[in-house]
Amino acid sequence: MESTVAQKLEAIHNLQLLDSKLDAIIKVRGALPEEVQDLEDEIAGYETRLEKFQSEIDSFDNEIKALKESIKDSEKLIKKYQEQQMNVRNNREYDAITKELELQDLEIQVAKKKITEAGHRIETKKVDLEELSLIKKDRQKDLDQKNSELTSIVSESETDETKLNNDREKAKKKVDERLLKSYTKIRANAKNGLAVVMVKRGACGGCFNTVPPQRQADIREKKKLIVCEHCGRILAGVEDEIIEEVAPKKKRATKASKA
């Protein structure tokens, strides 16, 4: 059965009331959720950099190990060439072996230089690693504190929030699908989250621009969906201003003037 415009407006207005209550709960949390997310992203960035530093240190360590093995190999060759040099048969063989000895000695010197350079780089990276670890530790303390605050706030309103979310799911099913899409779009663009408002004191409850009397009459009839021509919000109805009647003041009786 097709819902009437009045029923559609009632359903979407009820959804707005529930969303506004949920917005109020979230508002109490302030910027804490965003701060927590920013800190988590920041710490994740530090962890990536720390892993990179450690990877570079490991790479330099492996390079030093390889260079030390190279030095051992060169020392073995030097020992071998020295033994051969003792048994040369001519100057040509002697000169050839001497060149090999010089070459291996040079290899050892280059390797030792590279080991020293790699050692310096390791020390530098370790300093960077330590400094960054301290920064990460401090930021982790901030995150733990913010998380604790957020958890405390969330726990206080958890029951109400769960009930409102359940009620919202039920209310959403009663809203026309096309109207729900429009509502979601308007709500996303509204700073205060209001997509459905009432006309109060002759003005839109969202942007506070005046709504003409004839338009207010059409809104009251609820025969068609009407949106604010200024902000595009759905106008669900008109709240009539209740004017309290003020009792007239009694006039004091004046004494009759003497004849």
C-alpha atoms as a PDB file:
ATOM      1  CA  MET A   1       0.000   0.000   0.000  1.00  0.00           C
ATOM      2  CA  GLU A   2       1.347   3.396  -1.060  1.00  0.00           C
ATOM      3  CA  SER A   3       2.133   5.693   1.868  1.00  0.00           C
ATOM      4  CA  THR A   4       0.577   9.119   1.969  1.00  0.00           C
ATOM      5  CA  VAL A   5       2.764  12.224   1.917  1.00  0.00           C
ATOM      6  CA  ALA A   6       1.884  12.812   5.574  1.00  0.00           C
ATOM      7  CA  GLN A   7       3.072   9.298   6.475  1.00  0.00           C
ATOM      8  CA  LYS A   8       6.296   9.744   4.486  1.00  0.00           C
ATOM      9  CA  LEU A   9       6.994  13.035   6.244  1.00  0.00           C
ATOM     10  CA  GLU A  10       6.282  11.511   9.645  1.00  0.00           C
ATOM     11  CA  ALA A  11       8.653   8.604   8.916  1.00  0.00           C
ATOM     12  CA  ILE A  12      11.499  10.802   7.651  1.00  0.00           C
ATOM     13  CA  HIS A  13      11.017  13.306  10.488  1.00  0.00           C
ATOM     14  CA  ASN A  14      11.179  10.485  13.038  1.00  0.00           C
ATOM     15  CA  LEU A  15      14.437   9.291  11.440  1.00  0.00           C
ATOM     16  CA  GLN A  16      15.825  12.821  11.686  1.00  0.00           C
ATOM     17  CA  LEU A  17      14.959  13.026  15.387  1.00  0.00           C
ATOM     18  CA  LEU A  18      16.839   9.763  16.047  1.00  0.00           C
ATOM     19  CA  ASP A  19      19.837  10.909  13.986  1.00  0.00           C
ATOM     20  CA  SER A  20      19.920  14.213  15.859  1.00  0.00           C
ATOM     21  CA  LYS A  21      20.066  12.348  19.171  1.00  0.00           C
ATOM     22  CA  LEU A  22      22.909  10.198  17.847  1.00  0.00           C
ATOM     23  CA  ASP A  23      24.682  13.342  16.608  1.00  0.00           C
ATOM     24  CA  ALA A  24      24.409  14.821  20.100  1.00  0.00           C
ATOM     25  CA  ILE A  25      26.058  11.716  21.600  1.00  0.00           C
ATOM     26  CA  ILE A  26      28.884  11.826  19.034  1.00  0.00           C
ATOM     27  CA  LYS A  27      29.308  15.566  19.577  1.00  0.00           C
ATOM     28  CA  VAL A  28      30.103  14.941  23.253  1.00  0.00           C
ATOM     29  CA  ARG A  29      33.153  12.985  22.093  1.00  0.00           C
ATOM     30  CA  GLY A  30      34.397  16.122  20.365  1.00  0.00           C
ATOM     31  CA  ALA A  31      37.544  15.731  18.309  1.00  0.00           C
ATOM     32  CA  LEU A  32      38.747  12.690  20.291  1.00  0.00           C
ATOM     33  CA  PRO A  33      37.975  10.086  17.587  1.00  0.00           C
ATOM     34  CA  GLU A  34      39.872  12.150  14.986  1.00  0.00           C
ATOM     35  CA  GLU A  35      42.751  12.741  17.411  1.00  0.00           C
ATOM     36  CA  VAL A  36      42.971   9.007  18.130  1.00  0.00           C
ATOM     37  CA  GLN A  37      42.963   8.213  14.413  1.00  0.00           C
ATOM     38  CA  ASP A  38      45.647  10.834  13.711  1.00  0.00           C
ATOM     39  CA  LEU A  39      47.851   9.446  16.488  1.00  0.00           C
ATOM     40  CA  GLU A  40      47.384   5.887  15.223  1.00  0.00           C
ATOM     41  CA  ASP A  41      48.383   6.999  11.698  1.00  0.00           C
ATOM     42  CA  GLU A  42      51.359   8.939  13.089  1.00  0.00           C
ATOM     43  CA  ILE A  43      52.584   5.948  15.122  1.00  0.00           C
ATOM     44  CA  ALA A  44      52.129   3.650  12.111  1.00  0.00           C
ATOM     45  CA  GLY A  45      54.372   6.048  10.175  1.00  0.00           C
ATOM     46  CA  TYR A  46      57.010   5.891  12.923  1.00  0.00           C
ATOM     47  CA  GLU A  47      56.866   2.097  12.917  1.00  0.00           C
ATOM     48  CA  THR A  48      57.459   2.057   9.159  1.00  0.00           C
ATOM     49  CA  ARG A  49      60.471   4.354   9.548  1.00  0.00           C
ATOM     50  CA  LEU A  50      61.815   2.283  12.459  1.00  0.00           C
ATOM     51  CA  GLU A  51      61.547  -0.880  10.367  1.00  0.00           C
ATOM     52  CA  LYS A  52      63.408   0.893   7.564  1.00  0.00           C
ATOM     53  CA  PHE A  53      66.185   2.014   9.946  1.00  0.00           C
ATOM     54  CA  GLN A  54      66.513  -1.522  11.346  1.00  0.00           C
ATOM     55  CA  SER A  55      66.574  -2.962   7.832  1.00  0.00           C
ATOM     56  CA  GLU A  56      69.388  -0.572   6.884  1.00  0.00           C
ATOM     57  CA  ILE A  57      71.341  -1.499  10.040  1.00  0.00           C
ATOM     58  CA  ASP A  58      70.918  -5.208   9.224  1.00  0.00           C
ATOM     59  CA  SER A  59      72.077  -4.528   5.661  1.00  0.00           C
ATOM     60  CA  PHE A  60      75.239  -2.771   6.918  1.00  0.00           C
ATOM     61  CA  ASP A  61      75.849  -5.632   9.373  1.00  0.00           C
ATOM     62  CA  ASN A  62      75.609  -8.147   6.529  1.00  0.00           C
ATOM     63  CA  GLU A  63      77.968  -6.002   4.445  1.00  0.00           C
ATOM     64  CA  ILE A  64      80.517  -5.960   7.291  1.00  0.00           C
ATOM     65  CA  LYS A  65      80.263  -9.754   7.666  1.00  0.00           C
ATOM     66  CA  ALA A  66      80.828 -10.198   3.930  1.00  0.00           C
ATOM     67  CA  LEU A  67      83.810  -7.826   4.010  1.00  0.00           C
ATOM     68  CA  LYS A  68      85.334  -9.663   6.970  1.00  0.00           C
ATOM     69  CA  GLU A  69      84.996 -12.937   5.070  1.00  0.00           C
ATOM     70  CA  SER A  70      86.650 -11.248   2.086  1.00  0.00           C
ATOM     71  CA  ILE A  71      89.561 -10.179   4.331  1.00  0.00           C
ATOM     72  CA  LYS A  72      89.954 -13.778   5.583  1.00  0.00           C
ATOM     73  CA  ASP A  73      90.026 -15.034   1.989  1.00  0.00           C
ATOM     74  CA  SER A  74      92.641 -12.422   1.067  1.00  0.00           C
ATOM     75  CA  GLU A  75      94.762 -13.343   4.103  1.00  0.00           C
ATOM     76  CA  LYS A  76      94.650 -17.017   3.072  1.00  0.00           C
ATOM     77  CA  LEU A  77      95.731 -16.060  -0.442  1.00  0.00           C
ATOM     78  CA  ILE A  78      98.556 -13.903   0.947  1.00  0.00           C
ATOM     79  CA  LYS A  79      99.799 -16.833   3.027  1.00  0.00           C
ATOM     80  CA  LYS A  80      99.602 -19.078  -0.016  1.00  0.00           C
ATOM     81  CA  TYR A  81     101.459 -16.580  -2.246  1.00  0.00           C
ATOM     82  CA  GLN A  82     104.136 -16.046   0.415  1.00  0.00           C
ATOM     83  CA  GLU A  83     104.781 -19.791   0.480  1.00  0.00           C
ATOM     84  CA  GLN A  84     104.935 -19.857  -3.326  1.00  0.00           C
ATOM     85  CA  GLN A  85     107.300 -16.905  -3.334  1.00  0.00           C
ATOM     86  CA  MET A  86     109.789 -18.975  -1.345  1.00  0.00           C
ATOM     87  CA  ASN A  87     109.953 -21.517  -4.134  1.00  0.00           C
ATOM     88  CA  VAL A  88     110.088 -19.339  -7.274  1.00  0.00           C
ATOM     89  CA  ARG A  89     112.416 -20.362 -10.066  1.00  0.00           C
ATOM     90  CA  ASN A  90     112.938 -16.978 -11.661  1.00  0.00           C
ATOM     91  CA  ASN A  91     112.369 -13.240 -11.309  1.00  0.00           C
ATOM     92  CA  ARG A  92     109.317 -13.358 -13.588  1.00  0.00           C
ATOM     93  CA  GLU A  93     107.464 -15.711 -11.221  1.00  0.00           C
ATOM     94  CA  TYR A  94     108.648 -13.665  -8.233  1.00  0.00           C
ATOM     95  CA  ASP A  95     107.293 -10.408  -9.736  1.00  0.00           C
ATOM     96  CA  ALA A  96     103.951 -12.055 -10.642  1.00  0.00           C
ATOM     97  CA  ILE A  97     103.472 -13.362  -7.103  1.00  0.00           C
ATOM     98  CA  THR A  98     104.537  -9.976  -5.651  1.00  0.00           C
ATOM     99  CA  LYS A  99     101.799  -8.260  -7.696  1.00  0.00           C
ATOM    100  CA  GLU A 100      99.217 -10.754  -6.402  1.00  0.00           C
ATOM    101  CA  LEU A 101     100.356 -10.064  -2.842  1.00  0.00           C
ATOM    102  CA  GLU A 102     100.036  -6.310  -3.379  1.00  0.00           C
ATOM    103  CA  LEU A 103      96.599  -6.785  -4.934  1.00  0.00           C
ATOM    104  CA  GLN A 104      95.342  -8.851  -1.982  1.00  0.00           C
ATOM    105  CA  ASP A 105      96.837  -6.339   0.461  1.00  0.00           C
ATOM    106  CA  LEU A 106      94.956  -3.583  -1.374  1.00  0.00           C
ATOM    107  CA  GLU A 107      91.751  -5.640  -1.226  1.00  0.00           C
ATOM    108  CA  ILE A 108      92.185  -5.919   2.549  1.00  0.00           C
ATOM    109  CA  GLN A 109      92.749  -2.155   2.934  1.00  0.00           C
ATOM    110  CA  VAL A 110      89.649  -1.337   0.839  1.00  0.00           C
ATOM    111  CA  ALA A 111      87.559  -3.850   2.793  1.00  0.00           C
ATOM    112  CA  LYS A 112      88.717  -2.402   6.130  1.00  0.00           C
ATOM    113  CA  LYS A 113      87.860   1.105   4.934  1.00  0.00           C
ATOM    114  CA  LYS A 114      84.385  -0.040   3.902  1.00  0.00           C
ATOM    115  CA  ILE A 115      83.939  -1.771   7.268  1.00  0.00           C
ATOM    116  CA  THR A 116      84.796   1.482   9.058  1.00  0.00           C
ATOM    117  CA  GLU A 117      82.350   3.469   6.892  1.00  0.00           C
ATOM    118  CA  ALA A 118      79.599   0.892   7.412  1.00  0.00           C
ATOM    119  CA  GLY A 119      80.286   1.000  11.159  1.00  0.00           C
ATOM    120  CA  HIS A 120      79.838   4.779  11.199  1.00  0.00           C
ATOM    121  CA  ARG A 121      76.585   4.458   9.256  1.00  0.00           C
ATOM    122  CA  ILE A 122      75.341   1.856  11.713  1.00  0.00           C
ATOM    123  CA  GLU A 123      76.075   4.178  14.641  1.00  0.00           C
ATOM    124  CA  THR A 124      74.263   7.045  12.909  1.00  0.00           C
ATOM    125  CA  LYS A 125      71.262   4.852  12.144  1.00  0.00           C
ATOM    126  CA  LYS A 126      71.217   3.573  15.728  1.00  0.00           C
ATOM    127  CA  VAL A 127      71.072   7.160  17.005  1.00  0.00           C
ATOM    128  CA  ASP A 128      68.195   7.897  14.601  1.00  0.00           C
ATOM    129  CA  LEU A 129      66.511   4.674  15.681  1.00  0.00           C
ATOM    130  CA  GLU A 130      66.812   5.547  19.373  1.00  0.00           C
ATOM    131  CA  GLU A 131      65.519   9.100  18.890  1.00  0.00           C
ATOM    132  CA  LEU A 132      62.572   7.927  16.816  1.00  0.00           C
ATOM    133  CA  SER A 133      61.806   5.154  19.310  1.00  0.00           C
ATOM    134  CA  LEU A 134      61.556   7.745  22.105  1.00  0.00           C
ATOM    135  CA  ILE A 135      59.253   9.929  20.005  1.00  0.00           C
ATOM    136  CA  LYS A 136      57.076   6.905  19.209  1.00  0.00           C
ATOM    137  CA  LYS A 137      56.997   5.974  22.895  1.00  0.00           C
ATOM    138  CA  ASP A 138      55.794   9.470  23.867  1.00  0.00           C
ATOM    139  CA  ARG A 139      53.151   9.480  21.129  1.00  0.00           C
ATOM    140  CA  GLN A 140      52.029   6.009  22.236  1.00  0.00           C
ATOM    141  CA  LYS A 141      51.474   7.399  25.752  1.00  0.00           C
ATOM    142  CA  ASP A 142      49.351  10.193  24.235  1.00  0.00           C
ATOM    143  CA  LEU A 143      47.394   7.628  22.214  1.00  0.00           C
ATOM    144  CA  ASP A 144      46.786   5.430  25.262  1.00  0.00           C
ATOM    145  CA  GLN A 145      45.508   8.449  27.200  1.00  0.00           C
ATOM    146  CA  LYS A 146      43.229   9.587  24.358  1.00  0.00           C
ATOM    147  CA  ASN A 147      41.955   6.036  23.879  1.00  0.00           C
ATOM    148  CA  SER A 148      41.218   5.796  27.588  1.00  0.00           C
ATOM    149  CA  GLU A 149      39.267   9.070  27.508  1.00  0.00           C
ATOM    150  CA  LEU A 150      37.357   7.999  24.415  1.00  0.00           C
ATOM    151  CA  THR A 151      36.552   4.568  25.861  1.00  0.00           C
ATOM    152  CA  SER A 152      35.255   6.201  29.037  1.00  0.00           C
ATOM    153  CA  ILE A 153      33.019   8.592  27.102  1.00  0.00           C
ATOM    154  CA  VAL A 154      31.753   5.873  24.770  1.00  0.00           C
ATOM    155  CA  SER A 155      30.971   3.515  27.660  1.00  0.00           C
ATOM    156  CA  GLU A 156      28.856   6.191  29.344  1.00  0.00           C
ATOM    157  CA  SER A 157      26.577   6.501  26.318  1.00  0.00           C
ATOM    158  CA  GLU A 158      26.955   2.975  24.934  1.00  0.00           C
ATOM    159  CA  THR A 159      23.521   1.741  26.062  1.00  0.00           C
ATOM    160  CA  ASP A 160      21.699   4.810  24.730  1.00  0.00           C
ATOM    161  CA  GLU A 161      23.653   4.718  21.482  1.00  0.00           C
ATOM    162  CA  THR A 162      22.898   1.027  20.922  1.00  0.00           C
ATOM    163  CA  LYS A 163      19.176   1.580  21.521  1.00  0.00           C
ATOM    164  CA  LEU A 164      19.106   4.604  19.222  1.00  0.00           C
ATOM    165  CA  ASN A 165      20.911   2.701  16.476  1.00  0.00           C
ATOM    166  CA  ASN A 166      18.421  -0.155  16.778  1.00  0.00           C
ATOM    167  CA  ASP A 167      15.518   2.298  16.672  1.00  0.00           C
ATOM    168  CA  ARG A 168      17.118   4.020  13.707  1.00  0.00           C
ATOM    169  CA  GLU A 169      17.336   0.781  11.725  1.00  0.00           C
ATOM    170  CA  LYS A 170      13.638   0.173  12.346  1.00  0.00           C
ATOM    171  CA  ALA A 171      12.747   3.772  11.451  1.00  0.00           C
ATOM    172  CA  LYS A 172      14.838   3.652   8.270  1.00  0.00           C
ATOM    173  CA  LYS A 173      12.832   0.699   6.949  1.00  0.00           C
ATOM    174  CA  LYS A 174       9.667   2.807   7.120  1.00  0.00           C
ATOM    175  CA  VAL A 175      11.129   5.558   4.918  1.00  0.00           C
ATOM    176  CA  ASP A 176      10.554   5.616   1.169  1.00  0.00           C
ATOM    177  CA  GLU A 177      13.764   4.549  -0.621  1.00  0.00           C
ATOM    178  CA  ARG A 178      14.014   7.602  -2.894  1.00  0.00           C
ATOM    179  CA  LEU A 179      13.242   9.923  -0.001  1.00  0.00           C
ATOM    180  CA  LEU A 180      15.916   8.186   2.102  1.00  0.00           C
ATOM    181  CA  LYS A 181      18.545   8.816  -0.601  1.00  0.00           C
ATOM    182  CA  SER A 182      17.600  12.507  -0.735  1.00  0.00           C
ATOM    183  CA  TYR A 183      17.658  12.694   3.060  1.00  0.00           C
ATOM    184  CA  THR A 184      21.113  11.104   3.242  1.00  0.00           C
ATOM    185  CA  LYS A 185      22.478  13.488   0.606  1.00  0.00           C
ATOM    186  CA  ILE A 186      21.017  16.612   2.249  1.00  0.00           C
ATOM    187  CA  ARG A 187      22.211  15.500   5.686  1.00  0.00           C
ATOM    188  CA  ALA A 188      25.748  14.939   4.415  1.00  0.00           C
ATOM    189  CA  ASN A 189      25.912  18.516   3.122  1.00  0.00           C
ATOM    190  CA  ALA A 190      24.289  20.113   6.181  1.00  0.00           C
ATOM    191  CA  LYS A 191      26.743  21.354   8.824  1.00  0.00           C
ATOM    192  CA  ASN A 192      24.322  20.647  11.666  1.00  0.00           C
ATOM    193  CA  GLY A 193      23.183  17.311  10.224  1.00  0.00           C
ATOM    194  CA  LEU A 194      19.602  18.533   9.786  1.00  0.00           C
ATOM    195  CA  ALA A 195      17.925  17.370   6.582  1.00  0.00           C
ATOM    196  CA  VAL A 196      14.336  17.501   7.877  1.00  0.00           C
ATOM    197  CA  VAL A 197      13.139  20.529   9.809  1.00  0.00           C
ATOM    198  CA  MET A 198       9.986  22.242  10.973  1.00  0.00           C
ATOM    199  CA  VAL A 199       8.907  25.760  10.134  1.00  0.00           C
ATOM    200  CA  LYS A 200       9.211  27.751  13.357  1.00  0.00           C
ATOM    201  CA  ARG A 201       8.032  31.305  13.813  1.00  0.00           C
ATOM    202  CA  GLY A 202       7.549  31.592  10.095  1.00  0.00           C
ATOM    203  CA  ALA A 203      11.103  30.539   9.214  1.00  0.00           C
ATOM    204  CA  CYS A 204      12.919  27.397   8.085  1.00  0.00           C
ATOM    205  CA  GLY A 205      14.260  25.503  11.104  1.00  0.00           C
ATOM    206  CA  GLY A 206      17.514  24.837   9.239  1.00  0.00           C
ATOM    207  CA  CYS A 207      18.603  28.073   7.591  1.00  0.00           C
ATOM    208  CA  PHE A 208      16.150  30.435   9.392  1.00  0.00           C
ATOM    209  CA  ASN A 209      15.047  32.123   6.169  1.00  0.00           C
ATOM    210  CA  THR A 210      11.438  33.265   6.072  1.00  0.00           C
ATOM    211  CA  VAL A 211       8.887  30.876   4.604  1.00  0.00           C
ATOM    212  CA  PRO A 212       5.992  32.724   2.864  1.00  0.00           C
ATOM    213  CA  PRO A 213       2.505  32.269   4.415  1.00  0.00           C
ATOM    214  CA  GLN A 214       1.085  30.528   1.326  1.00  0.00           C
ATOM    215  CA  ARG A 215       3.986  28.042   1.360  1.00  0.00           C
ATOM    216  CA  GLN A 216       3.364  27.448   5.071  1.00  0.00           C
ATOM    217  CA  ALA A 217      -0.268  26.652   4.238  1.00  0.00           C
ATOM    218  CA  ASP A 218       0.878  24.085   1.648  1.00  0.00           C
ATOM    219  CA  ILE A 219       3.268  22.542   4.194  1.00  0.00           C
ATOM    220  CA  ARG A 220       0.440  22.230   6.722  1.00  0.00           C
ATOM    221  CA  GLU A 221      -1.747  20.375   4.217  1.00  0.00           C
ATOM    222  CA  LYS A 222       1.006  17.741   3.711  1.00  0.00           C
ATOM    223  CA  LYS A 223      -0.240  16.866   0.245  1.00  0.00           C
ATOM    224  CA  LYS A 224       3.224  17.104  -1.329  1.00  0.00           C
ATOM    225  CA  LEU A 225       6.835  17.154  -0.235  1.00  0.00           C
ATOM    226  CA  ILE A 226       8.116  20.709   0.081  1.00  0.00           C
ATOM    227  CA  VAL A 227      11.731  21.757   0.522  1.00  0.00           C
ATOM    228  CA  CYS A 228      13.160  25.075   1.647  1.00  0.00           C
ATOM    229  CA  GLU A 229      13.873  27.203  -1.416  1.00  0.00           C
ATOM    230  CA  HIS A 230      16.995  28.580   0.311  1.00  0.00           C
ATOM    231  CA  CYS A 231      18.750  25.515   1.789  1.00  0.00           C
ATOM    232  CA  GLY A 232      16.943  22.562   0.210  1.00  0.00           C
ATOM    233  CA  ARG A 233      15.974  20.957   3.533  1.00  0.00           C
ATOM    234  CA  ILE A 234      12.745  18.962   3.715  1.00  0.00           C
ATOM    235  CA  LEU A 235      10.035  20.914   5.542  1.00  0.00           C
ATOM    236  CA  ALA A 236       8.076  18.400   7.633  1.00  0.00           C
ATOM    237  CA  GLY A 237       5.494  20.720   9.132  1.00  0.00           C
ATOM    238  CA  VAL A 238       4.711  24.041  10.732  1.00  0.00           C
ATOM    239  CA  GLU A 239       4.983  24.634  14.461  1.00  0.00           C
ATOM    240  CA  ASP A 240       2.376  27.202  15.360  1.00  0.00           C
ATOM    241  CA  GLU A 241       3.583  29.739  17.864  1.00  0.00           C
ATOM    242  CA  ILE A 242       1.508  29.582  21.021  1.00  0.00           C
ATOM    243  CA  ILE A 243       0.639  33.060  22.188  1.00  0.00           C
ATOM    244  CA  GLU A 244      -0.380  33.208  25.810  1.00  0.00           C
ATOM    245  CA  GLU A 245      -3.309  35.486  26.430  1.00  0.00           C
ATOM    246  CA  VAL A 246      -2.535  38.179  28.939  1.00  0.00           C
ATOM    247  CA  ALA A 247      -5.424  39.004  31.226  1.00  0.00           C
ATOM    248  CA  PRO A 248      -6.297  42.722  31.088  1.00  0.00           C
ATOM    249  CA  LYS A 249      -5.280  44.709  34.147  1.00  0.00           C
ATOM    250  CA  LYS A 250      -8.086  45.768  36.399  1.00  0.00           C
ATOM    251  CA  LYS A 251      -8.598  49.472  36.614  1.00  0.00           C
ATOM    252  CA  ARG A 252      -8.470  51.019  40.071  1.00  0.00           C
ATOM    253  CA  ALA A 253     -11.762  52.358  41.230  1.00  0.00           C
ATOM    254  CA  THR A 254     -11.561  56.133  41.640  1.00  0.00           C
ATOM    255  CA  LYS A 255     -13.315  57.835  44.517  1.00  0.00           C
ATOM    256  CA  ALA A 256     -16.285  59.956  43.503  1.00  0.00           C
ATOM    257  CA  SER A 257     -15.396  63.585  43.656  1.00  0.00           C
ATOM    258  CA  LYS A 258     -17.175  65.500  46.343  1.00  0.00           C
ATOM    259  CA  ALA A 259     -20.013  67.599  45.239  1.00  0.00           C
END
